[in-house]
Amino acid sequence: MQCNICGVDNIPLEDHHIIPISRGGTDDPQNKILVCIDCHGKAHDVTFRGERGLVSKALQNRQGKTKTASNYFKTETGIIKYNTFMADIFCTDRRMYDFIMSGFELGFITPLALYEVIEEGKPLKCRKSIKIM
């Protein structure tokens, strides 16, 4: 068998989850690839050679987007769009409005999540699973 990333063969291979368990991935074979220890380390940025791994790059992109989202709500355009969005929600769905406001106060809705809803039209994501009664 050979590494699914670099193609090296005849060495011990490790399972690498395509979608991490922590992000809802499973242990199903369809969610795993076999990789050599070097490629597995690069994927998780744990090499000792200073190379940047795939996970590290994804985190850097997310940090840049989080900074953009935080700054967005400090601009006049961002404030106007936020106020318009919240006013629309308040008028059409009071429970959703209360949910969003509580989410900010309790920290399970982030500025990035709301930025993605307002600017990119994505569905609202929360940090934790919650049940709305």
C-alpha atoms as a PDB file:
ATOM      1  CA  MET A   1       0.000   0.000   0.000  1.00  0.00           C
ATOM      2  CA  GLN A   2       1.135   3.573  -0.602  1.00  0.00           C
ATOM      3  CA  CYS A   3       0.588   7.026   0.901  1.00  0.00           C
ATOM      4  CA  ASN A   4      -2.437   8.720  -0.663  1.00  0.00           C
ATOM      5  CA  ILE A   5      -0.645  12.084  -0.656  1.00  0.00           C
ATOM      6  CA  CYS A   6       2.979  11.566  -1.723  1.00  0.00           C
ATOM      7  CA  GLY A   7       2.731   8.049  -3.141  1.00  0.00           C
ATOM      8  CA  VAL A   8       5.610   6.524  -1.159  1.00  0.00           C
ATOM      9  CA  ASP A   9       5.114   2.795  -0.555  1.00  0.00           C
ATOM     10  CA  ASN A  10       6.385  -0.022   1.630  1.00  0.00           C
ATOM     11  CA  ILE A  11       6.338   2.081   4.818  1.00  0.00           C
ATOM     12  CA  PRO A  12       3.911   2.158   7.762  1.00  0.00           C
ATOM     13  CA  LEU A  13       0.783   4.215   7.024  1.00  0.00           C
ATOM     14  CA  GLU A  14      -1.638   6.026   9.318  1.00  0.00           C
ATOM     15  CA  ASP A  15      -5.319   6.852   9.032  1.00  0.00           C
ATOM     16  CA  HIS A  16      -6.035  10.523   8.411  1.00  0.00           C
ATOM     17  CA  HIS A  17      -9.609  11.775   8.821  1.00  0.00           C
ATOM     18  CA  ILE A  18     -10.673  13.912   5.860  1.00  0.00           C
ATOM     19  CA  ILE A  19     -13.296  15.614   8.046  1.00  0.00           C
ATOM     20  CA  PRO A  20     -11.967  15.590  11.630  1.00  0.00           C
ATOM     21  CA  ILE A  21     -14.046  13.874  14.298  1.00  0.00           C
ATOM     22  CA  SER A  22     -14.100  17.211  16.167  1.00  0.00           C
ATOM     23  CA  ARG A  23     -15.869  18.790  13.174  1.00  0.00           C
ATOM     24  CA  GLY A  24     -18.505  16.082  12.797  1.00  0.00           C
ATOM     25  CA  GLY A  25     -16.493  13.568  10.780  1.00  0.00           C
ATOM     26  CA  THR A  26     -16.865   9.846  11.312  1.00  0.00           C
ATOM     27  CA  ASP A  27     -14.604   6.816  11.586  1.00  0.00           C
ATOM     28  CA  ASP A  28     -16.150   5.414   8.405  1.00  0.00           C
ATOM     29  CA  PRO A  29     -13.633   4.253   5.782  1.00  0.00           C
ATOM     30  CA  GLN A  30     -15.025   6.871   3.348  1.00  0.00           C
ATOM     31  CA  ASN A  31     -13.792   9.608   5.722  1.00  0.00           C
ATOM     32  CA  LYS A  32     -10.235   8.261   5.995  1.00  0.00           C
ATOM     33  CA  ILE A  33      -7.173   8.142   3.796  1.00  0.00           C
ATOM     34  CA  LEU A  34      -3.936   6.287   4.438  1.00  0.00           C
ATOM     35  CA  VAL A  35      -0.914   8.571   4.677  1.00  0.00           C
ATOM     36  CA  CYS A  36       2.724   8.258   5.681  1.00  0.00           C
ATOM     37  CA  ILE A  37       3.868   9.828   8.925  1.00  0.00           C
ATOM     38  CA  ASP A  38       5.520  12.765   7.111  1.00  0.00           C
ATOM     39  CA  CYS A  39       2.363  13.687   5.176  1.00  0.00           C
ATOM     40  CA  HIS A  40       0.213  13.199   8.277  1.00  0.00           C
ATOM     41  CA  GLY A  41       2.479  15.573  10.174  1.00  0.00           C
ATOM     42  CA  LYS A  42       2.331  18.136   7.357  1.00  0.00           C
ATOM     43  CA  ALA A  43      -1.456  17.918   7.270  1.00  0.00           C
ATOM     44  CA  HIS A  44      -1.552  18.820  10.970  1.00  0.00           C
ATOM     45  CA  ASP A  45       1.468  21.156  10.933  1.00  0.00           C
ATOM     46  CA  VAL A  46       3.497  19.066  13.339  1.00  0.00           C
ATOM     47  CA  THR A  47       6.671  18.707  11.315  1.00  0.00           C
ATOM     48  CA  PHE A  48       9.936  19.739  12.858  1.00  0.00           C
ATOM     49  CA  ARG A  49      11.215  21.350   9.665  1.00  0.00           C
ATOM     50  CA  GLY A  50       9.173  24.538   9.887  1.00  0.00           C
ATOM     51  CA  GLU A  51       6.899  23.582   6.984  1.00  0.00           C
ATOM     52  CA  ARG A  52       3.367  24.893   7.240  1.00  0.00           C
ATOM     53  CA  GLY A  53       0.682  22.222   7.251  1.00  0.00           C
ATOM     54  CA  LEU A  54      -2.744  22.223   5.673  1.00  0.00           C
ATOM     55  CA  VAL A  55      -4.519  22.650   9.021  1.00  0.00           C
ATOM     56  CA  SER A  56      -2.313  25.620   9.881  1.00  0.00           C
ATOM     57  CA  LYS A  57      -3.119  27.308   6.563  1.00  0.00           C
ATOM     58  CA  ALA A  58      -6.831  26.801   7.117  1.00  0.00           C
ATOM     59  CA  LEU A  59      -6.558  28.308  10.604  1.00  0.00           C
ATOM     60  CA  GLN A  60      -4.617  31.295   9.263  1.00  0.00           C
ATOM     61  CA  ASN A  61      -7.328  31.930   6.657  1.00  0.00           C
ATOM     62  CA  ARG A  62     -10.017  31.714   9.351  1.00  0.00           C
ATOM     63  CA  GLN A  63      -8.120  34.120  11.625  1.00  0.00           C
ATOM     64  CA  GLY A  64      -7.867  36.632   8.781  1.00  0.00           C
ATOM     65  CA  LYS A  65     -11.588  36.305   8.107  1.00  0.00           C
ATOM     66  CA  THR A  66     -12.378  36.695  11.841  1.00  0.00           C
ATOM     67  CA  LYS A  67     -10.345  39.924  11.918  1.00  0.00           C
ATOM     68  CA  THR A  68     -12.213  41.164   8.834  1.00  0.00           C
ATOM     69  CA  ALA A  69     -15.543  40.360  10.519  1.00  0.00           C
ATOM     70  CA  SER A  70     -14.589  42.154  13.741  1.00  0.00           C
ATOM     71  CA  ASN A  71     -13.480  45.246  11.812  1.00  0.00           C
ATOM     72  CA  TYR A  72     -16.608  45.075   9.624  1.00  0.00           C
ATOM     73  CA  PHE A  73     -18.869  45.862  12.583  1.00  0.00           C
ATOM     74  CA  LYS A  74     -16.801  48.969  13.331  1.00  0.00           C
ATOM     75  CA  THR A  75     -17.350  50.525   9.899  1.00  0.00           C
ATOM     76  CA  GLU A  76     -20.284  52.746   8.978  1.00  0.00           C
ATOM     77  CA  THR A  77     -21.372  50.331   6.240  1.00  0.00           C
ATOM     78  CA  GLY A  78     -21.130  47.357   8.590  1.00  0.00           C
ATOM     79  CA  ILE A  79     -23.127  49.121  11.292  1.00  0.00           C
ATOM     80  CA  ILE A  80     -25.853  50.140   8.830  1.00  0.00           C
ATOM     81  CA  LYS A  81     -26.112  46.612   7.377  1.00  0.00           C
ATOM     82  CA  TYR A  82     -26.140  45.058  10.856  1.00  0.00           C
ATOM     83  CA  ASN A  83     -28.846  47.446  12.082  1.00  0.00           C
ATOM     84  CA  THR A  84     -30.944  46.828   8.957  1.00  0.00           C
ATOM     85  CA  PHE A  85     -30.529  43.065   9.288  1.00  0.00           C
ATOM     86  CA  MET A  86     -31.472  43.078  12.979  1.00  0.00           C
ATOM     87  CA  ALA A  87     -34.443  45.425  12.400  1.00  0.00           C
ATOM     88  CA  ASP A  88     -35.766  43.076   9.704  1.00  0.00           C
ATOM     89  CA  ILE A  89     -35.369  40.075  12.002  1.00  0.00           C
ATOM     90  CA  PHE A  90     -37.021  41.979  14.876  1.00  0.00           C
ATOM     91  CA  CYS A  91     -40.054  42.782  12.698  1.00  0.00           C
ATOM     92  CA  THR A  92     -40.409  39.345  11.114  1.00  0.00           C
ATOM     93  CA  ASP A  93     -39.238  36.833  13.733  1.00  0.00           C
ATOM     94  CA  ARG A  94     -38.983  38.040  17.312  1.00  0.00           C
ATOM     95  CA  ARG A  95     -37.823  34.641  18.592  1.00  0.00           C
ATOM     96  CA  MET A  96     -34.901  34.653  16.121  1.00  0.00           C
ATOM     97  CA  TYR A  97     -34.031  38.212  17.136  1.00  0.00           C
ATOM     98  CA  ASP A  98     -33.985  37.209  20.828  1.00  0.00           C
ATOM     99  CA  PHE A  99     -31.953  34.118  19.952  1.00  0.00           C
ATOM    100  CA  ILE A 100     -29.309  36.137  18.095  1.00  0.00           C
ATOM    101  CA  MET A 101     -29.057  38.748  20.837  1.00  0.00           C
ATOM    102  CA  SER A 102     -28.758  36.072  23.527  1.00  0.00           C
ATOM    103  CA  GLY A 103     -26.223  34.225  21.390  1.00  0.00           C
ATOM    104  CA  PHE A 104     -23.968  37.255  21.324  1.00  0.00           C
ATOM    105  CA  GLU A 105     -24.304  37.794  25.054  1.00  0.00           C
ATOM    106  CA  LEU A 106     -23.574  34.139  25.847  1.00  0.00           C
ATOM    107  CA  GLY A 107     -20.830  33.805  23.234  1.00  0.00           C
ATOM    108  CA  PHE A 108     -22.230  31.007  21.095  1.00  0.00           C
ATOM    109  CA  ILE A 109     -22.774  33.280  18.099  1.00  0.00           C
ATOM    110  CA  THR A 110     -19.608  35.023  16.922  1.00  0.00           C
ATOM    111  CA  PRO A 111     -19.182  38.200  14.894  1.00  0.00           C
ATOM    112  CA  LEU A 112     -17.769  36.002  12.105  1.00  0.00           C
ATOM    113  CA  ALA A 113     -20.961  33.888  12.031  1.00  0.00           C
ATOM    114  CA  LEU A 114     -23.167  36.964  11.718  1.00  0.00           C
ATOM    115  CA  TYR A 115     -20.829  38.546   9.152  1.00  0.00           C
ATOM    116  CA  GLU A 116     -21.175  35.412   7.011  1.00  0.00           C
ATOM    117  CA  VAL A 117     -24.979  35.630   7.263  1.00  0.00           C
ATOM    118  CA  ILE A 118     -25.155  39.334   6.339  1.00  0.00           C
ATOM    119  CA  GLU A 119     -22.424  39.560   3.700  1.00  0.00           C
ATOM    120  CA  GLU A 120     -22.256  36.052   2.254  1.00  0.00           C
ATOM    121  CA  GLY A 121     -25.825  34.803   2.727  1.00  0.00           C
ATOM    122  CA  LYS A 122     -24.680  31.734   4.658  1.00  0.00           C
ATOM    123  CA  PRO A 123     -26.924  30.076   7.257  1.00  0.00           C
ATOM    124  CA  LEU A 124     -26.372  31.105  10.869  1.00  0.00           C
ATOM    125  CA  LYS A 125     -23.865  28.866  12.657  1.00  0.00           C
ATOM    126  CA  CYS A 126     -23.451  28.543  16.405  1.00  0.00           C
ATOM    127  CA  ARG A 127     -20.458  27.388  18.425  1.00  0.00           C
ATOM    128  CA  LYS A 128     -22.553  24.836  20.317  1.00  0.00           C
ATOM    129  CA  SER A 129     -25.511  22.620  19.524  1.00  0.00           C
ATOM    130  CA  ILE A 130     -28.582  24.033  21.169  1.00  0.00           C
ATOM    131  CA  LYS A 131     -32.242  23.137  21.222  1.00  0.00           C
ATOM    132  CA  ILE A 132     -34.814  25.863  20.648  1.00  0.00           C
ATOM    133  CA  MET A 133     -38.101  25.110  22.380  1.00  0.00           C
END
